[in-house]
Amino acid sequence: MRQVFLDTETTGLHPDRGDRVIEIGCIEMDNRQLTGRTFHHYLNPERASHEDAVKIHGLTDEFLADKPLFAAVVDELLDFVAGAEIIIHNAAFDLGFLNAELKRLGKPTFASHTGPVVDSLLMARDQFPGKANSLDALCKRLDVDSTGRTLHGALLDAGLLAEVYLRMTRGQKTFAMDDDDAHGGHAGGAGALADFSALTLIIQPPTEAERVAHRAMVEELDKFSKGKALWQKIAL
């Protein structure tokens, strides 16, 4: 299955008030393997960025002044994402901006050009309820190296998202392992269930000292529970 991890940077937070896309980064994955294909452009938004936004992404108006307009790269973008499943962290934000840009050009919505759109933020909230689920928080929780991320960047964040997504979807609910897992990788096809039929469990009986220590602990528990400790009814 072909998937594309996408992120944008913008002049501000409100596409309905004229804020624009200033950077788009996409990374392609096929059958859980990164293909090396990327899409990345800085864009001239034809307006100034909000000061708070610049503090986040570091893309100044001067830097963006000579970059192409969205209209100049839109066909390349739509070709890159065509038919793919799209994974975006907080998809409503990025889709709001992309749809606003497409509307200015009289084009259909972004999702009409792609396969399903998956919001990895909603996935994370389902897996980690009640916890912080920003991309930074997920990188720390899932041991994804984000030490090079001093500022937000669309292509960098798309790459981090791909790593986070792979780790969130590995699905180790059985003893099955992906082929690549056996070699330390992050992706691969489904492997066979581990066979434990030949495994012999060694039962090591406790020493007398361990028996005495255990009996003393159970007696303490029995006192604390006022005679309700079930362990006292088991022969030690």
Protein backbone atom coordinates (compact mmCIF):
# COMPACT_ATOMS: atom_id res chain seq x y z
CA MET A 1 0.00 0.00 0.00
CA ARG A 2 1.35 3.42 -0.97
CA GLN A 3 1.26 6.01 1.80
CA VAL A 4 2.35 9.63 1.92
CA PHE A 5 3.23 11.44 5.15
CA LEU A 6 2.48 15.14 4.81
CA ASP A 7 3.12 18.28 6.81
CA THR A 8 2.79 22.00 6.15
CA GLU A 9 4.02 25.24 7.67
CA THR A 10 1.87 28.35 7.43
CA THR A 11 1.85 32.11 7.97
CA GLY A 12 -0.55 31.72 10.89
CA LEU A 13 -3.41 29.65 12.22
CA HIS A 14 -6.44 30.79 10.24
CA PRO A 15 -6.87 29.98 6.54
CA ASP A 16 -10.32 31.58 6.63
CA ARG A 17 -8.65 34.89 7.55
CA GLY A 18 -6.12 34.77 4.74
CA ASP A 19 -3.25 32.82 6.27
CA ARG A 20 -1.35 30.84 3.64
CA VAL A 21 0.82 27.75 3.21
CA ILE A 22 4.55 28.55 3.12
CA GLU A 23 6.07 25.05 3.14
CA ILE A 24 4.89 21.57 2.15
CA GLY A 25 6.80 18.38 2.87
CA CYS A 26 5.78 14.86 1.81
CA ILE A 27 7.53 11.51 2.22
CA GLU A 28 6.42 8.36 0.38
CA MET A 29 6.20 4.89 1.87
CA ASP A 30 5.24 1.70 0.06
CA ASN A 31 4.38 -1.47 2.01
CA ARG A 32 5.86 0.08 5.16
CA GLN A 33 9.16 0.82 3.45
CA LEU A 34 10.36 4.35 2.73
CA THR A 35 10.89 4.67 -1.02
CA GLY A 36 13.21 7.69 -0.93
CA ARG A 37 10.70 9.77 -2.93
CA THR A 38 9.86 13.13 -1.41
CA PHE A 39 8.02 16.31 -2.31
CA HIS A 40 9.24 19.52 -0.73
CA HIS A 41 8.75 23.18 -1.55
CA TYR A 42 8.96 26.51 0.24
CA LEU A 43 6.29 28.90 -1.03
CA ASN A 44 5.79 32.63 -1.35
CA PRO A 45 2.52 33.29 0.50
CA GLU A 46 2.14 36.80 -0.90
CA ARG A 47 1.58 38.11 2.60
CA ALA A 48 3.52 38.53 5.83
CA SER A 49 3.78 35.75 8.39
CA HIS A 50 2.63 36.30 11.96
CA GLU A 51 5.46 36.88 14.41
CA ASP A 52 4.46 33.91 16.56
CA ALA A 53 4.43 31.64 13.51
CA VAL A 54 7.96 32.70 12.53
CA LYS A 55 9.14 31.78 16.04
CA ILE A 56 7.89 28.24 15.39
CA HIS A 57 9.16 27.58 11.86
CA GLY A 58 11.83 30.27 11.39
CA LEU A 59 10.76 31.05 7.81
CA THR A 60 11.02 34.80 7.39
CA ASP A 61 9.23 36.92 4.80
CA GLU A 62 12.61 37.76 3.25
CA PHE A 63 13.49 34.08 2.84
CA LEU A 64 10.14 33.30 1.19
CA ALA A 65 10.07 36.32 -1.13
CA ASP A 66 11.70 34.57 -4.11
CA LYS A 67 10.02 31.18 -3.63
CA PRO A 68 7.36 29.86 -6.06
CA LEU A 69 3.67 30.45 -5.58
CA PHE A 70 1.41 27.56 -4.59
CA ALA A 71 -0.09 27.70 -8.08
CA ALA A 72 3.30 26.86 -9.57
CA VAL A 73 3.72 23.60 -7.62
CA VAL A 74 0.13 22.43 -7.17
CA ASP A 75 0.13 20.02 -10.11
CA GLU A 76 3.36 18.42 -8.93
CA LEU A 77 1.89 18.06 -5.43
CA LEU A 78 -1.35 16.49 -6.65
CA ASP A 79 0.57 14.08 -8.86
CA PHE A 80 2.72 13.04 -5.91
CA VAL A 81 -0.21 12.30 -3.58
CA ALA A 82 -2.63 10.91 -6.20
CA GLY A 83 -4.37 7.78 -4.95
CA ALA A 84 -2.15 7.36 -1.89
CA GLU A 85 -3.29 7.02 1.71
CA ILE A 86 -2.30 10.31 3.36
CA ILE A 87 -1.13 10.44 6.97
CA ILE A 88 -1.18 13.86 8.64
CA HIS A 89 -0.77 14.80 12.31
CA ASN A 90 -3.76 16.99 13.16
CA ALA A 91 -5.15 16.55 9.66
CA ALA A 92 -7.92 19.14 10.04
CA PHE A 93 -5.31 21.91 10.30
CA ASP A 94 -3.29 21.00 7.20
CA LEU A 95 -6.35 20.08 5.13
CA GLY A 96 -7.97 23.40 5.99
CA PHE A 97 -5.01 25.25 4.52
CA LEU A 98 -4.57 22.99 1.49
CA ASN A 99 -8.27 23.20 0.66
CA ALA A 100 -8.17 26.98 0.94
CA GLU A 101 -5.23 27.11 -1.47
CA LEU A 102 -6.97 24.76 -3.91
CA LYS A 103 -10.19 26.76 -3.71
CA ARG A 104 -8.33 29.91 -4.75
CA LEU A 105 -7.30 28.06 -7.90
CA GLY A 106 -10.76 26.66 -8.58
CA LYS A 107 -9.65 23.09 -7.89
CA PRO A 108 -11.47 20.32 -5.94
CA THR A 109 -10.58 19.55 -2.34
CA PHE A 110 -7.31 17.86 -1.49
CA ALA A 111 -8.94 14.59 -0.39
CA SER A 112 -10.68 14.27 -3.75
CA HIS A 113 -7.25 13.67 -5.32
CA THR A 114 -6.03 11.08 -2.79
CA GLY A 115 -6.95 7.86 -1.05
CA PRO A 116 -8.10 7.90 2.59
CA VAL A 117 -6.71 10.56 4.90
CA VAL A 118 -5.55 9.25 8.29
CA ASP A 119 -5.16 11.61 11.24
CA SER A 120 -2.28 10.30 13.33
CA LEU A 121 -3.24 12.66 16.17
CA LEU A 122 -6.57 10.87 16.55
CA MET A 123 -4.73 7.53 16.42
CA ALA A 124 -2.40 8.68 19.18
CA ARG A 125 -5.25 9.93 21.36
CA ASP A 126 -6.88 6.52 21.01
CA GLN A 127 -3.66 4.67 21.93
CA PHE A 128 -2.52 7.09 24.65
CA PRO A 129 -5.66 8.62 26.17
CA GLY A 130 -5.12 11.46 28.59
CA LYS A 131 -1.49 11.99 27.54
CA ALA A 132 0.24 14.67 25.48
CA ASN A 133 0.14 13.54 21.86
CA SER A 134 1.97 16.27 19.98
CA LEU A 135 4.59 15.04 17.52
CA ASP A 136 7.33 16.01 19.99
CA ALA A 137 5.62 14.08 22.79
CA LEU A 138 5.18 11.01 20.60
CA CYS A 139 8.82 11.10 19.50
CA LYS A 140 9.89 11.03 23.15
CA ARG A 141 7.39 8.32 24.10
CA LEU A 142 8.25 6.08 21.16
CA ASP A 143 12.02 6.70 21.18
CA VAL A 144 12.13 8.47 17.82
CA ASP A 145 15.23 10.64 17.59
CA SER A 146 14.13 14.26 17.13
CA THR A 147 17.27 15.93 18.48
CA GLY A 148 17.79 17.77 15.18
CA ARG A 149 14.40 19.46 15.42
CA THR A 150 15.08 22.90 16.86
CA LEU A 151 12.40 24.49 14.64
CA HIS A 152 9.37 23.03 12.90
CA GLY A 153 9.98 22.08 9.27
CA ALA A 154 7.51 20.38 6.96
CA LEU A 155 9.84 17.76 5.46
CA LEU A 156 11.58 17.07 8.77
CA ASP A 157 8.26 16.68 10.56
CA ALA A 158 6.90 14.41 7.81
CA GLY A 159 9.91 12.16 8.33
CA LEU A 160 9.46 12.09 12.09
CA LEU A 161 5.77 11.35 11.59
CA ALA A 162 6.63 8.37 9.39
CA GLU A 163 8.82 6.93 12.17
CA VAL A 164 6.15 7.60 14.80
CA TYR A 165 3.46 6.02 12.63
CA LEU A 166 5.50 2.86 12.06
CA ARG A 167 6.02 2.45 15.79
CA MET A 168 2.37 3.14 16.62
CA THR A 169 1.18 0.55 14.08
CA ARG A 170 3.57 -2.33 14.67
CA GLY A 171 0.78 -4.20 16.47
CA GLN A 172 2.78 -6.58 18.64
CA LYS A 173 -0.36 -8.10 20.16
CA THR A 174 0.89 -11.65 19.52
CA PHE A 175 4.31 -13.27 19.38
CA ALA A 176 4.33 -12.70 15.60
CA MET A 177 7.28 -10.65 14.37
CA ASP A 178 7.89 -8.85 11.13
CA ASP A 179 10.77 -10.25 9.10
CA ASP A 180 12.64 -6.97 9.42
CA ASP A 181 12.11 -6.92 13.19
CA ALA A 182 14.29 -9.99 13.47
CA HIS A 183 17.07 -7.91 11.90
CA GLY A 184 16.42 -4.80 13.96
CA GLY A 185 14.32 -3.00 11.32
CA HIS A 186 11.03 -1.15 11.68
CA ALA A 187 9.00 -2.62 8.85
CA GLY A 188 8.21 -5.79 6.97
CA GLY A 189 5.65 -8.42 6.19
CA ALA A 190 3.86 -10.59 8.73
CA GLY A 191 6.02 -13.40 10.11
CA ALA A 192 5.06 -16.78 11.55
CA LEU A 193 4.02 -17.20 15.16
CA ALA A 194 6.88 -18.23 17.43
CA ASP A 195 6.82 -21.96 18.25
CA PHE A 196 7.21 -22.61 21.98
CA SER A 197 6.27 -26.32 21.83
CA ALA A 198 9.87 -27.45 22.38
CA LEU A 199 10.50 -25.04 25.24
CA THR A 200 11.24 -26.65 28.62
CA LEU A 201 10.55 -24.43 31.62
CA ILE A 202 12.96 -24.90 34.49
CA ILE A 203 11.28 -24.63 37.91
CA GLN A 204 13.72 -23.65 40.62
CA PRO A 205 12.38 -24.53 44.11
CA PRO A 206 12.91 -21.93 46.86
CA THR A 207 15.66 -22.33 49.41
CA GLU A 208 14.78 -22.73 53.09
CA ALA A 209 15.81 -19.15 53.73
CA GLU A 210 13.44 -17.98 50.97
CA ARG A 211 10.63 -20.06 52.49
CA VAL A 212 11.19 -18.45 55.89
CA ALA A 213 11.26 -14.94 54.41
CA HIS A 214 8.09 -15.63 52.41
CA ARG A 215 6.29 -17.04 55.45
CA ALA A 216 7.20 -13.93 57.47
CA MET A 217 5.88 -11.67 54.70
CA VAL A 218 2.59 -13.60 54.52
CA GLU A 219 2.18 -13.36 58.29
CA GLU A 220 2.63 -9.59 58.06
CA LEU A 221 0.01 -9.41 55.31
CA ASP A 222 -2.34 -11.53 57.41
CA LYS A 223 -1.98 -9.18 60.34
CA PHE A 224 -2.55 -6.15 58.14
CA SER A 225 -5.70 -7.69 56.60
CA LYS A 226 -6.97 -8.93 59.94
CA GLY A 227 -6.84 -12.58 59.03
CA LYS A 228 -8.09 -12.28 55.44
CA ALA A 229 -4.84 -13.11 53.63
CA LEU A 230 -5.57 -16.07 51.35
CA TRP A 231 -1.92 -17.06 51.30
CA GLN A 232 -2.26 -18.32 54.90
CA LYS A 233 -4.64 -21.02 53.65
CA ILE A 234 -2.02 -22.36 51.22
CA ALA A 235 0.56 -24.80 52.53
CA LEU A 236 3.97 -23.17 52.41
